[in-house]
Amino acid sequence: MQVKPANQNLFEVIDEDRTRIVNLKEKTCTCNRFQKDEMPCNHVVAVMKDLNINTYNYCAQYYTSKAWLQTYEETVYPVGNVREWELPEFFEDIIVLPPKERIKSGRPRKRTMAAAWETKKQNKCDKCGQKGHNKKTCRRITA
């Protein structure tokens, strides 16, 4: 990857045929992985490698070893046998049914969108037989 700095915080990263913009101050990348995962994507890592910056400084706090250890610090007790659970009476009266959705047989239909370059199906006139209009809009002169 080729890194081109625009200023101190903004960088252009050229990855084969694509260009990504990385903003270290706002912790963003145009691939959106840096924002979603809160962990440096490969474009950000390329910038940090170029600047000799530690990538761990840009990871979210919950990816740290300390956060992982704190997650499991408390004792997790097993829930036991379902038959031994003590439930309030109103829970026992509730009957949960599956959704009323009919599953269609066969292979699901593809949902493809027609590309802009594909030609649309044109109407054919019942009067004159030409394409591009219908009999209501036909301008054929009938004598």
C-alpha atoms as a PDB file:
ATOM      1  CA  MET A   1       0.000   0.000   0.000  1.00  0.00           C
ATOM      2  CA  GLN A   2       1.157   3.475  -0.831  1.00  0.00           C
ATOM      3  CA  VAL A   3       0.607   6.184   1.837  1.00  0.00           C
ATOM      4  CA  LYS A   4       0.389   9.849   0.848  1.00  0.00           C
ATOM      5  CA  PRO A   5       0.014  12.380   3.689  1.00  0.00           C
ATOM      6  CA  ALA A   6      -2.356  15.323   3.152  1.00  0.00           C
ATOM      7  CA  ASN A   7      -1.642  16.878   6.574  1.00  0.00           C
ATOM      8  CA  GLN A   8      -0.752  15.649  10.080  1.00  0.00           C
ATOM      9  CA  ASN A   9      -3.938  13.620  10.534  1.00  0.00           C
ATOM     10  CA  LEU A  10      -5.283  13.031   7.017  1.00  0.00           C
ATOM     11  CA  PHE A  11      -3.755  10.418   4.699  1.00  0.00           C
ATOM     12  CA  GLU A  12      -4.509   8.924   1.303  1.00  0.00           C
ATOM     13  CA  VAL A  13      -3.848   5.189   1.110  1.00  0.00           C
ATOM     14  CA  ILE A  14      -3.676   3.601  -2.337  1.00  0.00           C
ATOM     15  CA  ASP A  15      -4.461  -0.116  -2.158  1.00  0.00           C
ATOM     16  CA  GLU A  16      -3.997  -1.702  -5.600  1.00  0.00           C
ATOM     17  CA  ASP A  17      -6.818  -0.030  -7.578  1.00  0.00           C
ATOM     18  CA  ARG A  18      -8.701   1.647  -4.687  1.00  0.00           C
ATOM     19  CA  THR A  19      -7.994   4.795  -2.743  1.00  0.00           C
ATOM     20  CA  ARG A  20      -8.950   5.170   0.922  1.00  0.00           C
ATOM     21  CA  ILE A  21      -8.840   8.278   3.101  1.00  0.00           C
ATOM     22  CA  VAL A  22      -7.650   7.798   6.697  1.00  0.00           C
ATOM     23  CA  ASN A  23      -8.172  10.418   9.416  1.00  0.00           C
ATOM     24  CA  LEU A  24      -6.166   9.514  12.528  1.00  0.00           C
ATOM     25  CA  LYS A  25      -7.574  12.369  14.643  1.00  0.00           C
ATOM     26  CA  GLU A  26     -11.213  11.325  14.099  1.00  0.00           C
ATOM     27  CA  LYS A  27     -10.319   7.605  13.888  1.00  0.00           C
ATOM     28  CA  THR A  28     -12.028   7.117  10.525  1.00  0.00           C
ATOM     29  CA  CYS A  29     -11.300   5.362   7.244  1.00  0.00           C
ATOM     30  CA  THR A  30     -13.446   5.427   4.099  1.00  0.00           C
ATOM     31  CA  CYS A  31     -13.667   1.612   4.201  1.00  0.00           C
ATOM     32  CA  ASN A  32     -15.636   2.115   7.483  1.00  0.00           C
ATOM     33  CA  ARG A  33     -13.981  -0.829   9.259  1.00  0.00           C
ATOM     34  CA  PHE A  34     -12.004   1.476  11.570  1.00  0.00           C
ATOM     35  CA  GLN A  35     -15.250   3.100  12.777  1.00  0.00           C
ATOM     36  CA  LYS A  36     -17.294  -0.119  13.033  1.00  0.00           C
ATOM     37  CA  ASP A  37     -14.753  -2.379  14.719  1.00  0.00           C
ATOM     38  CA  GLU A  38     -13.010   0.395  16.661  1.00  0.00           C
ATOM     39  CA  MET A  39      -9.820  -1.351  15.642  1.00  0.00           C
ATOM     40  CA  PRO A  40      -7.366  -0.207  12.964  1.00  0.00           C
ATOM     41  CA  CYS A  41      -8.093  -1.631   9.504  1.00  0.00           C
ATOM     42  CA  ASN A  42      -5.280  -2.523   7.114  1.00  0.00           C
ATOM     43  CA  HIS A  43      -5.286   1.012   5.636  1.00  0.00           C
ATOM     44  CA  VAL A  44      -4.801   2.583   9.072  1.00  0.00           C
ATOM     45  CA  VAL A  45      -2.105   0.039   9.916  1.00  0.00           C
ATOM     46  CA  ALA A  46      -0.257   1.051   6.722  1.00  0.00           C
ATOM     47  CA  VAL A  47      -0.362   4.714   7.812  1.00  0.00           C
ATOM     48  CA  MET A  48       0.785   3.858  11.346  1.00  0.00           C
ATOM     49  CA  LYS A  49       3.604   1.692  10.015  1.00  0.00           C
ATOM     50  CA  ASP A  50       4.673   4.584   7.794  1.00  0.00           C
ATOM     51  CA  LEU A  51       4.625   6.979  10.799  1.00  0.00           C
ATOM     52  CA  ASN A  52       6.082   4.391  13.218  1.00  0.00           C
ATOM     53  CA  ILE A  53       3.040   4.641  15.558  1.00  0.00           C
ATOM     54  CA  ASN A  54       1.906   1.842  17.880  1.00  0.00           C
ATOM     55  CA  THR A  55      -1.380   0.437  16.506  1.00  0.00           C
ATOM     56  CA  TYR A  56      -2.552  -0.637  19.986  1.00  0.00           C
ATOM     57  CA  ASN A  57      -3.011   3.032  20.916  1.00  0.00           C
ATOM     58  CA  TYR A  58      -5.863   3.237  18.365  1.00  0.00           C
ATOM     59  CA  CYS A  59      -7.746   0.113  19.504  1.00  0.00           C
ATOM     60  CA  ALA A  60     -10.885   0.428  21.622  1.00  0.00           C
ATOM     61  CA  GLN A  61     -10.461  -0.189  25.347  1.00  0.00           C
ATOM     62  CA  TYR A  62     -12.570  -3.345  25.295  1.00  0.00           C
ATOM     63  CA  TYR A  63      -9.968  -5.135  23.133  1.00  0.00           C
ATOM     64  CA  THR A  64      -7.350  -4.897  25.871  1.00  0.00           C
ATOM     65  CA  SER A  65      -6.311  -7.827  28.057  1.00  0.00           C
ATOM     66  CA  LYS A  66      -7.456  -5.898  31.119  1.00  0.00           C
ATOM     67  CA  ALA A  67     -11.008  -5.564  29.738  1.00  0.00           C
ATOM     68  CA  TRP A  68     -11.150  -9.258  28.832  1.00  0.00           C
ATOM     69  CA  LEU A  69     -10.015 -10.242  32.327  1.00  0.00           C
ATOM     70  CA  GLN A  70     -12.564  -7.897  33.933  1.00  0.00           C
ATOM     71  CA  THR A  71     -15.341  -9.484  31.862  1.00  0.00           C
ATOM     72  CA  TYR A  72     -14.744 -12.874  33.477  1.00  0.00           C
ATOM     73  CA  GLU A  73     -13.600 -11.586  36.861  1.00  0.00           C
ATOM     74  CA  GLU A  74     -16.918 -12.345  38.563  1.00  0.00           C
ATOM     75  CA  THR A  75     -18.067 -15.891  39.132  1.00  0.00           C
ATOM     76  CA  VAL A  76     -20.523 -17.196  36.563  1.00  0.00           C
ATOM     77  CA  TYR A  77     -22.889 -19.677  38.156  1.00  0.00           C
ATOM     78  CA  PRO A  78     -24.495 -22.447  36.115  1.00  0.00           C
ATOM     79  CA  VAL A  79     -28.244 -22.045  35.606  1.00  0.00           C
ATOM     80  CA  GLY A  80     -29.096 -25.625  36.550  1.00  0.00           C
ATOM     81  CA  ASN A  81     -31.895 -27.823  35.280  1.00  0.00           C
ATOM     82  CA  VAL A  82     -34.793 -26.004  33.569  1.00  0.00           C
ATOM     83  CA  ARG A  83     -37.369 -28.048  35.511  1.00  0.00           C
ATOM     84  CA  GLU A  84     -36.010 -26.715  38.803  1.00  0.00           C
ATOM     85  CA  TRP A  85     -36.368 -23.038  37.875  1.00  0.00           C
ATOM     86  CA  GLU A  86     -38.812 -20.986  39.912  1.00  0.00           C
ATOM     87  CA  LEU A  87     -40.859 -18.843  37.519  1.00  0.00           C
ATOM     88  CA  PRO A  88     -43.668 -16.380  38.280  1.00  0.00           C
ATOM     89  CA  GLU A  89     -47.143 -17.713  37.472  1.00  0.00           C
ATOM     90  CA  PHE A  90     -47.806 -15.318  34.569  1.00  0.00           C
ATOM     91  CA  PHE A  91     -44.781 -16.749  32.728  1.00  0.00           C
ATOM     92  CA  GLU A  92     -46.164 -20.261  32.948  1.00  0.00           C
ATOM     93  CA  ASP A  93     -49.440 -19.166  31.290  1.00  0.00           C
ATOM     94  CA  ILE A  94     -47.726 -17.607  28.261  1.00  0.00           C
ATOM     95  CA  ILE A  95     -47.682 -19.820  25.170  1.00  0.00           C
ATOM     96  CA  VAL A  96     -45.111 -18.811  22.587  1.00  0.00           C
ATOM     97  CA  LEU A  97     -45.937 -19.932  19.048  1.00  0.00           C
ATOM     98  CA  PRO A  98     -43.757 -19.748  15.931  1.00  0.00           C
ATOM     99  CA  PRO A  99     -44.494 -16.890  13.530  1.00  0.00           C
ATOM    100  CA  LYS A 100     -47.293 -17.430  10.999  1.00  0.00           C
ATOM    101  CA  GLU A 101     -45.082 -17.316   7.970  1.00  0.00           C
ATOM    102  CA  ARG A 102     -45.578 -19.654   5.074  1.00  0.00           C
ATOM    103  CA  ILE A 103     -42.352 -21.098   3.743  1.00  0.00           C
ATOM    104  CA  LYS A 104     -42.479 -21.236  -0.038  1.00  0.00           C
ATOM    105  CA  SER A 105     -41.336 -24.399  -1.730  1.00  0.00           C
ATOM    106  CA  GLY A 106     -38.537 -24.426  -4.254  1.00  0.00           C
ATOM    107  CA  ARG A 107     -35.500 -22.290  -4.727  1.00  0.00           C
ATOM    108  CA  PRO A 108     -35.825 -18.632  -3.656  1.00  0.00           C
ATOM    109  CA  ARG A 109     -36.122 -16.135  -6.505  1.00  0.00           C
ATOM    110  CA  LYS A 110     -33.097 -13.946  -7.210  1.00  0.00           C
ATOM    111  CA  ARG A 111     -33.621 -10.302  -6.433  1.00  0.00           C
ATOM    112  CA  THR A 112     -31.434  -8.569  -8.962  1.00  0.00           C
ATOM    113  CA  MET A 113     -31.698  -4.962  -9.971  1.00  0.00           C
ATOM    114  CA  ALA A 114     -31.429  -4.123 -13.658  1.00  0.00           C
ATOM    115  CA  ALA A 115     -28.307  -2.150 -14.479  1.00  0.00           C
ATOM    116  CA  ALA A 116     -28.615   1.330 -15.944  1.00  0.00           C
ATOM    117  CA  TRP A 117     -27.198   0.179 -19.267  1.00  0.00           C
ATOM    118  CA  GLU A 118     -29.752  -2.598 -19.670  1.00  0.00           C
ATOM    119  CA  THR A 119     -32.620  -1.724 -21.957  1.00  0.00           C
ATOM    120  CA  LYS A 120     -36.101  -1.598 -20.518  1.00  0.00           C
ATOM    121  CA  LYS A 121     -38.913  -3.625 -22.048  1.00  0.00           C
ATOM    122  CA  GLN A 122     -40.875  -1.250 -24.239  1.00  0.00           C
ATOM    123  CA  ASN A 123     -44.634  -1.328 -24.655  1.00  0.00           C
ATOM    124  CA  LYS A 124     -46.045  -2.473 -27.976  1.00  0.00           C
ATOM    125  CA  CYS A 125     -49.094  -0.697 -29.392  1.00  0.00           C
ATOM    126  CA  ASP A 126     -52.143  -2.868 -30.154  1.00  0.00           C
ATOM    127  CA  LYS A 127     -53.273  -0.498 -32.945  1.00  0.00           C
ATOM    128  CA  CYS A 128     -50.162   0.089 -35.006  1.00  0.00           C
ATOM    129  CA  GLY A 129     -47.785  -2.591 -33.661  1.00  0.00           C
ATOM    130  CA  GLN A 130     -44.932  -0.141 -33.009  1.00  0.00           C
ATOM    131  CA  LYS A 131     -42.915  -0.124 -29.770  1.00  0.00           C
ATOM    132  CA  GLY A 132     -42.592   2.740 -27.330  1.00  0.00           C
ATOM    133  CA  HIS A 133     -46.276   3.543 -26.738  1.00  0.00           C
ATOM    134  CA  ASN A 134     -49.665   1.898 -26.159  1.00  0.00           C
ATOM    135  CA  LYS A 135     -53.039   2.188 -27.888  1.00  0.00           C
ATOM    136  CA  LYS A 136     -54.185   5.055 -25.619  1.00  0.00           C
ATOM    137  CA  THR A 137     -51.255   7.236 -26.644  1.00  0.00           C
ATOM    138  CA  CYS A 138     -51.120   6.048 -30.257  1.00  0.00           C
ATOM    139  CA  ARG A 139     -50.974   8.887 -32.795  1.00  0.00           C
ATOM    140  CA  ARG A 140     -51.798   6.752 -35.799  1.00  0.00           C
ATOM    141  CA  ILE A 141     -54.383   8.456 -37.964  1.00  0.00           C
ATOM    142  CA  THR A 142     -57.360   6.219 -38.590  1.00  0.00           C
ATOM    143  CA  ALA A 143     -59.471   7.219 -41.570  1.00  0.00           C
END
